[in-house]
């Protein structure tokens, strides 16, 4: 399974990459929403995990565009102020969202749930 992480904070992005890779996932990452959109055009991902507060294009806009490009793509969002986005994320059909720092075990559980549903 290929996961795309969009996170502008380098240390946090690298930590997520390591954790997800160690969990057996193929991980790609980008620092900006724009980079992620390019990667989405070039690859077939199983999941998009994005921060909400990004430089230039914000996470909400990335999610809207990603949903138009790949309506079936599971999407998870994260932010240190996630409650500010919860209504919009629910309305957009985001699969899960997390407050940062992310509880990695909860993230793994959500990923496993999403992947198991995609095979039903």
N, C-alpha and C. Protein backbone atom coordinates (compact mmCIF):
# COMPACT_ATOMS: atom_id res chain seq x y z
N UNK A 1 0.84 -1.18 0.00
CA UNK A 1 0.00 0.00 0.00
C UNK A 1 0.89 1.25 0.00
N UNK A 2 0.55 2.17 -0.87
CA UNK A 2 1.32 3.41 -1.00
C UNK A 2 0.59 4.55 -0.30
N UNK A 3 1.32 5.21 0.59
CA UNK A 3 0.78 6.32 1.36
C UNK A 3 1.52 7.59 1.00
N UNK A 4 0.77 8.67 0.82
CA UNK A 4 1.35 9.99 0.57
C UNK A 4 1.13 10.86 1.80
N UNK A 5 2.22 11.35 2.36
CA UNK A 5 2.18 12.25 3.52
C UNK A 5 2.46 13.66 3.04
N UNK A 6 1.63 14.60 3.44
CA UNK A 6 1.88 16.02 3.17
C UNK A 6 2.06 16.70 4.52
N UNK A 7 3.27 17.13 4.80
CA UNK A 7 3.61 17.73 6.09
C UNK A 7 4.78 18.67 5.88
N UNK A 8 4.61 19.94 6.24
CA UNK A 8 5.66 20.92 6.02
C UNK A 8 6.74 20.91 7.09
N UNK A 9 6.46 20.36 8.25
CA UNK A 9 7.45 20.30 9.32
C UNK A 9 8.35 19.08 9.10
N UNK A 10 9.59 19.33 8.72
CA UNK A 10 10.48 18.27 8.28
C UNK A 10 10.67 17.15 9.32
N UNK A 11 10.92 17.51 10.55
CA UNK A 11 11.15 16.50 11.58
C UNK A 11 9.93 15.61 11.77
N UNK A 12 8.76 16.22 11.79
CA UNK A 12 7.53 15.46 11.98
C UNK A 12 7.25 14.58 10.76
N UNK A 13 7.50 15.11 9.57
CA UNK A 13 7.31 14.34 8.32
C UNK A 13 8.22 13.12 8.32
N UNK A 14 9.46 13.31 8.69
CA UNK A 14 10.41 12.20 8.72
C UNK A 14 10.01 11.16 9.76
N UNK A 15 9.50 11.60 10.90
CA UNK A 15 9.04 10.68 11.94
C UNK A 15 7.88 9.83 11.41
N UNK A 16 6.92 10.48 10.76
CA UNK A 16 5.78 9.75 10.18
C UNK A 16 6.24 8.77 9.11
N UNK A 17 7.16 9.21 8.25
CA UNK A 17 7.70 8.33 7.21
C UNK A 17 8.30 7.08 7.83
N UNK A 18 9.11 7.26 8.87
CA UNK A 18 9.77 6.13 9.53
C UNK A 18 8.74 5.19 10.16
N UNK A 19 7.79 5.74 10.89
CA UNK A 19 6.78 4.91 11.56
C UNK A 19 5.94 4.13 10.55
N UNK A 20 5.50 4.79 9.49
CA UNK A 20 4.66 4.11 8.50
C UNK A 20 5.46 3.09 7.69
N UNK A 21 6.70 3.42 7.37
CA UNK A 21 7.56 2.48 6.65
C UNK A 21 7.82 1.24 7.50
N UNK A 22 8.08 1.45 8.77
CA UNK A 22 8.31 0.32 9.68
C UNK A 22 7.05 -0.52 9.86
N UNK A 23 5.92 0.05 9.54
CA UNK A 23 4.64 -0.67 9.62
C UNK A 23 4.33 -1.41 8.31
N UNK A 24 5.29 -1.37 7.38
CA UNK A 24 5.15 -2.12 6.14
C UNK A 24 4.51 -1.37 4.98
N UNK A 25 4.39 -0.06 5.11
CA UNK A 25 3.78 0.73 4.05
C UNK A 25 4.85 1.37 3.17
N UNK A 26 4.53 1.55 1.91
CA UNK A 26 5.38 2.29 0.99
C UNK A 26 5.02 3.76 1.13
N UNK A 27 5.97 4.58 1.55
CA UNK A 27 5.66 5.96 1.91
C UNK A 27 6.34 6.94 0.97
N UNK A 28 5.55 7.88 0.49
CA UNK A 28 6.03 9.04 -0.27
C UNK A 28 5.66 10.25 0.57
N UNK A 29 6.42 11.32 0.45
CA UNK A 29 6.07 12.50 1.24
C UNK A 29 6.40 13.77 0.48
N UNK A 30 5.73 14.82 0.90
CA UNK A 30 5.98 16.13 0.31
C UNK A 30 5.82 17.19 1.39
N UNK A 31 6.42 18.33 1.11
CA UNK A 31 6.41 19.45 2.05
C UNK A 31 5.22 20.37 1.79
N UNK A 32 4.69 20.36 0.58
CA UNK A 32 3.61 21.29 0.22
C UNK A 32 2.45 20.56 -0.46
N UNK A 33 1.31 21.22 -0.45
CA UNK A 33 0.13 20.69 -1.14
C UNK A 33 0.39 20.59 -2.64
N UNK A 34 1.08 21.56 -3.17
CA UNK A 34 1.37 21.57 -4.60
C UNK A 34 2.21 20.36 -5.00
N UNK A 35 3.22 20.04 -4.19
CA UNK A 35 4.04 18.85 -4.46
C UNK A 35 3.18 17.59 -4.39
N UNK A 36 2.28 17.55 -3.42
CA UNK A 36 1.41 16.37 -3.28
C UNK A 36 0.50 16.21 -4.48
N UNK A 37 -0.01 17.29 -5.01
CA UNK A 37 -0.88 17.20 -6.19
C UNK A 37 -0.11 16.65 -7.39
N UNK A 38 1.14 17.05 -7.54
CA UNK A 38 1.98 16.51 -8.61
C UNK A 38 2.18 15.01 -8.40
N UNK A 39 2.48 14.61 -7.17
CA UNK A 39 2.66 13.18 -6.88
C UNK A 39 1.37 12.40 -7.10
N UNK A 40 0.23 12.99 -6.76
CA UNK A 40 -1.06 12.32 -7.00
C UNK A 40 -1.31 12.10 -8.48
N UNK A 41 -0.85 13.03 -9.31
CA UNK A 41 -1.00 12.88 -10.76
C UNK A 41 -0.09 11.78 -11.31
N UNK A 42 1.02 11.52 -10.64
CA UNK A 42 2.04 10.60 -11.15
C UNK A 42 1.96 9.20 -10.55
N UNK A 43 1.18 9.03 -9.48
CA UNK A 43 1.16 7.76 -8.75
C UNK A 43 -0.26 7.36 -8.39
N UNK A 44 -0.41 6.10 -8.07
CA UNK A 44 -1.68 5.57 -7.59
C UNK A 44 -1.52 5.26 -6.10
N UNK A 45 -1.98 6.17 -5.24
CA UNK A 45 -1.82 6.01 -3.80
C UNK A 45 -3.03 5.31 -3.19
N UNK A 46 -2.78 4.66 -2.06
CA UNK A 46 -3.83 3.99 -1.30
C UNK A 46 -4.39 4.90 -0.22
N UNK A 47 -3.63 5.97 0.13
CA UNK A 47 -4.03 6.86 1.22
C UNK A 47 -3.28 8.17 1.12
N UNK A 48 -3.99 9.26 1.43
CA UNK A 48 -3.37 10.57 1.59
C UNK A 48 -3.52 10.97 3.05
N UNK A 49 -2.39 11.28 3.69
CA UNK A 49 -2.36 11.79 5.06
C UNK A 49 -1.79 13.19 4.99
N UNK A 50 -2.60 14.20 5.33
CA UNK A 50 -2.15 15.57 5.18
C UNK A 50 -2.32 16.41 6.43
N UNK A 51 -1.36 17.28 6.62
CA UNK A 51 -1.47 18.32 7.63
C UNK A 51 -2.46 19.35 7.09
N UNK A 52 -3.10 20.08 7.96
CA UNK A 52 -4.06 21.09 7.53
C UNK A 52 -3.42 22.46 7.32
N UNK A 53 -2.40 22.74 8.09
CA UNK A 53 -1.75 24.05 8.00
C UNK A 53 -0.44 23.91 7.23
N UNK A 54 -0.51 24.30 5.96
CA UNK A 54 0.62 24.16 5.06
C UNK A 54 0.97 25.53 4.48
N UNK A 55 2.19 25.69 3.99
CA UNK A 55 2.53 26.95 3.31
C UNK A 55 1.76 27.04 1.99
N UNK A 56 1.42 28.21 1.58
CA UNK A 56 0.68 28.46 0.34
C UNK A 56 -0.68 27.77 0.39
N UNK A 57 -0.90 26.74 -0.39
CA UNK A 57 -2.19 26.05 -0.41
C UNK A 57 -2.38 25.28 0.90
N UNK A 58 -3.53 25.47 1.53
CA UNK A 58 -3.83 24.81 2.79
C UNK A 58 -4.37 23.40 2.58
N UNK A 59 -4.44 22.64 3.67
CA UNK A 59 -4.89 21.27 3.63
C UNK A 59 -6.30 21.10 3.09
N UNK A 60 -7.22 22.01 3.46
CA UNK A 60 -8.60 21.89 2.96
C UNK A 60 -8.65 21.95 1.44
N UNK A 61 -7.89 22.85 0.86
CA UNK A 61 -7.87 22.96 -0.61
C UNK A 61 -7.24 21.72 -1.24
N UNK A 62 -6.17 21.22 -0.63
CA UNK A 62 -5.56 19.98 -1.12
C UNK A 62 -6.58 18.85 -1.11
N UNK A 63 -7.32 18.72 -0.03
CA UNK A 63 -8.32 17.65 0.08
C UNK A 63 -9.39 17.80 -1.00
N UNK A 64 -9.88 19.01 -1.20
CA UNK A 64 -10.91 19.25 -2.23
C UNK A 64 -10.41 18.82 -3.61
N UNK A 65 -9.20 19.22 -3.95
CA UNK A 65 -8.65 18.89 -5.27
C UNK A 65 -8.38 17.39 -5.37
N UNK A 66 -7.82 16.81 -4.32
CA UNK A 66 -7.53 15.37 -4.33
C UNK A 66 -8.82 14.57 -4.50
N UNK A 67 -9.89 15.00 -3.84
CA UNK A 67 -11.19 14.31 -3.96
C UNK A 67 -11.73 14.39 -5.39
N UNK A 68 -11.50 15.53 -6.06
CA UNK A 68 -11.94 15.66 -7.46
C UNK A 68 -11.12 14.75 -8.37
N UNK A 69 -9.80 14.69 -8.12
CA UNK A 69 -8.91 13.88 -8.95
C UNK A 69 -9.14 12.39 -8.74
N UNK A 70 -9.30 12.00 -7.48
CA UNK A 70 -9.42 10.58 -7.13
C UNK A 70 -10.51 10.43 -6.06
N UNK A 71 -11.77 10.41 -6.46
CA UNK A 71 -12.88 10.40 -5.49
C UNK A 71 -12.83 9.24 -4.50
N UNK A 72 -12.24 8.12 -4.87
CA UNK A 72 -12.20 6.95 -3.98
C UNK A 72 -10.98 6.93 -3.05
N UNK A 73 -10.08 7.90 -3.18
CA UNK A 73 -8.86 7.93 -2.38
C UNK A 73 -9.20 8.20 -0.91
N UNK A 74 -8.84 7.29 -0.01
CA UNK A 74 -9.02 7.57 1.42
C UNK A 74 -8.10 8.73 1.84
N UNK A 75 -8.65 9.61 2.67
CA UNK A 75 -7.90 10.78 3.11
C UNK A 75 -8.01 10.90 4.63
N UNK A 76 -6.86 11.18 5.25
CA UNK A 76 -6.79 11.47 6.68
C UNK A 76 -6.13 12.83 6.84
N UNK A 77 -6.57 13.57 7.85
CA UNK A 77 -6.04 14.90 8.10
C UNK A 77 -5.50 14.98 9.53
N UNK A 78 -4.57 15.89 9.72
CA UNK A 78 -4.00 16.10 11.06
C UNK A 78 -3.67 17.57 11.25
N UNK A 79 -3.78 18.02 12.50
CA UNK A 79 -3.45 19.39 12.84
C UNK A 79 -3.39 19.51 14.36
N UNK A 80 -2.61 20.46 14.82
CA UNK A 80 -2.58 20.73 16.26
C UNK A 80 -3.87 21.43 16.70
N UNK A 81 -4.63 21.94 15.74
CA UNK A 81 -5.92 22.59 16.03
C UNK A 81 -7.03 21.93 15.20
N UNK A 82 -7.05 20.61 15.22
CA UNK A 82 -7.95 19.86 14.34
C UNK A 82 -9.42 20.16 14.61
N UNK A 83 -9.78 20.49 15.85
CA UNK A 83 -11.18 20.78 16.15
C UNK A 83 -11.70 21.96 15.33
N UNK A 84 -10.83 22.84 14.93
CA UNK A 84 -11.21 23.99 14.10
C UNK A 84 -11.71 23.53 12.72
N UNK A 85 -11.26 22.37 12.28
CA UNK A 85 -11.59 21.87 10.95
C UNK A 85 -12.61 20.73 10.94
N UNK A 86 -13.00 20.24 12.08
CA UNK A 86 -13.75 18.99 12.16
C UNK A 86 -15.06 19.00 11.36
N UNK A 87 -15.83 20.07 11.41
CA UNK A 87 -17.10 20.11 10.69
C UNK A 87 -16.85 20.05 9.18
N UNK A 88 -15.91 20.84 8.70
CA UNK A 88 -15.60 20.84 7.27
C UNK A 88 -15.07 19.47 6.82
N UNK A 89 -14.23 18.88 7.63
CA UNK A 89 -13.67 17.57 7.28
C UNK A 89 -14.76 16.51 7.23
N UNK A 90 -15.68 16.55 8.19
CA UNK A 90 -16.81 15.61 8.17
C UNK A 90 -17.65 15.82 6.91
N UNK A 91 -17.93 17.07 6.58
CA UNK A 91 -18.74 17.38 5.40
C UNK A 91 -18.05 16.97 4.10
N UNK A 92 -16.74 16.98 4.10
CA UNK A 92 -15.98 16.61 2.90
C UNK A 92 -15.80 15.10 2.78
N UNK A 93 -16.18 14.37 3.80
CA UNK A 93 -16.05 12.92 3.74
C UNK A 93 -14.65 12.39 4.01
N UNK A 94 -13.87 13.16 4.77
CA UNK A 94 -12.54 12.70 5.15
C UNK A 94 -12.70 11.47 6.04
N UNK A 95 -11.85 10.48 5.82
CA UNK A 95 -11.99 9.20 6.51
C UNK A 95 -11.64 9.26 7.99
N UNK A 96 -10.68 10.10 8.36
CA UNK A 96 -10.30 10.23 9.76
C UNK A 96 -9.48 11.51 9.91
N UNK A 97 -9.46 12.03 11.13
CA UNK A 97 -8.59 13.16 11.41
C UNK A 97 -8.08 13.06 12.84
N UNK A 98 -6.88 13.63 13.02
CA UNK A 98 -6.14 13.45 14.26
C UNK A 98 -5.57 14.78 14.74
N UNK A 99 -5.52 14.91 16.05
CA UNK A 99 -4.82 16.05 16.64
C UNK A 99 -3.34 15.70 16.71
N UNK A 100 -2.51 16.68 16.40
CA UNK A 100 -1.06 16.49 16.49
C UNK A 100 -0.60 16.87 17.89
N UNK A 101 0.33 16.16 18.45
CA UNK A 101 1.02 15.02 17.84
C UNK A 101 0.09 13.81 17.74
N UNK A 102 0.19 13.12 16.64
CA UNK A 102 -0.68 11.99 16.33
C UNK A 102 -0.35 10.81 17.25
N UNK A 103 -1.39 10.19 17.77
CA UNK A 103 -1.25 8.93 18.50
C UNK A 103 -1.01 7.86 17.43
N UNK A 104 0.22 7.38 17.33
CA UNK A 104 0.60 6.52 16.21
C UNK A 104 -0.18 5.20 16.21
N UNK A 105 -0.50 4.67 17.37
CA UNK A 105 -1.27 3.42 17.42
C UNK A 105 -2.68 3.65 16.89
N UNK A 106 -3.27 4.78 17.21
CA UNK A 106 -4.60 5.12 16.69
C UNK A 106 -4.53 5.31 15.17
N UNK A 107 -3.47 5.94 14.70
CA UNK A 107 -3.29 6.12 13.25
C UNK A 107 -3.19 4.75 12.57
N UNK A 108 -2.38 3.85 13.10
CA UNK A 108 -2.26 2.51 12.52
C UNK A 108 -3.60 1.80 12.49
N UNK A 109 -4.36 1.91 13.57
CA UNK A 109 -5.67 1.25 13.64
C UNK A 109 -6.60 1.80 12.56
N UNK A 110 -6.60 3.11 12.35
CA UNK A 110 -7.45 3.72 11.32
C UNK A 110 -7.01 3.30 9.92
N UNK A 111 -5.70 3.25 9.71
CA UNK A 111 -5.18 2.82 8.41
C UNK A 111 -5.61 1.39 8.12
N UNK A 112 -5.44 0.53 9.09
CA UNK A 112 -5.83 -0.88 8.92
C UNK A 112 -7.33 -1.00 8.65
N UNK A 113 -8.12 -0.20 9.34
CA UNK A 113 -9.58 -0.23 9.11
C UNK A 113 -9.91 0.22 7.69
N UNK A 114 -9.31 1.28 7.23
CA UNK A 114 -9.56 1.78 5.88
C UNK A 114 -9.12 0.76 4.84
N UNK A 115 -7.94 0.17 5.00
CA UNK A 115 -7.46 -0.81 4.03
C UNK A 115 -8.32 -2.07 4.04
N UNK A 116 -8.78 -2.49 5.19
CA UNK A 116 -9.61 -3.69 5.23
C UNK A 116 -10.97 -3.43 4.58
N UNK A 117 -11.51 -2.22 4.71
CA UNK A 117 -12.78 -1.87 4.07
C UNK A 117 -12.64 -1.81 2.55
N UNK A 118 -11.47 -1.42 2.07
CA UNK A 118 -11.30 -1.29 0.62
C UNK A 118 -11.29 -2.63 -0.08
N UNK A 119 -11.13 -3.72 0.68
CA UNK A 119 -11.11 -5.05 0.09
C UNK A 119 -12.42 -5.78 0.26
N UNK A 120 -13.42 -5.14 0.87
CA UNK A 120 -14.73 -5.80 1.07
C UNK A 120 -15.53 -5.84 -0.22
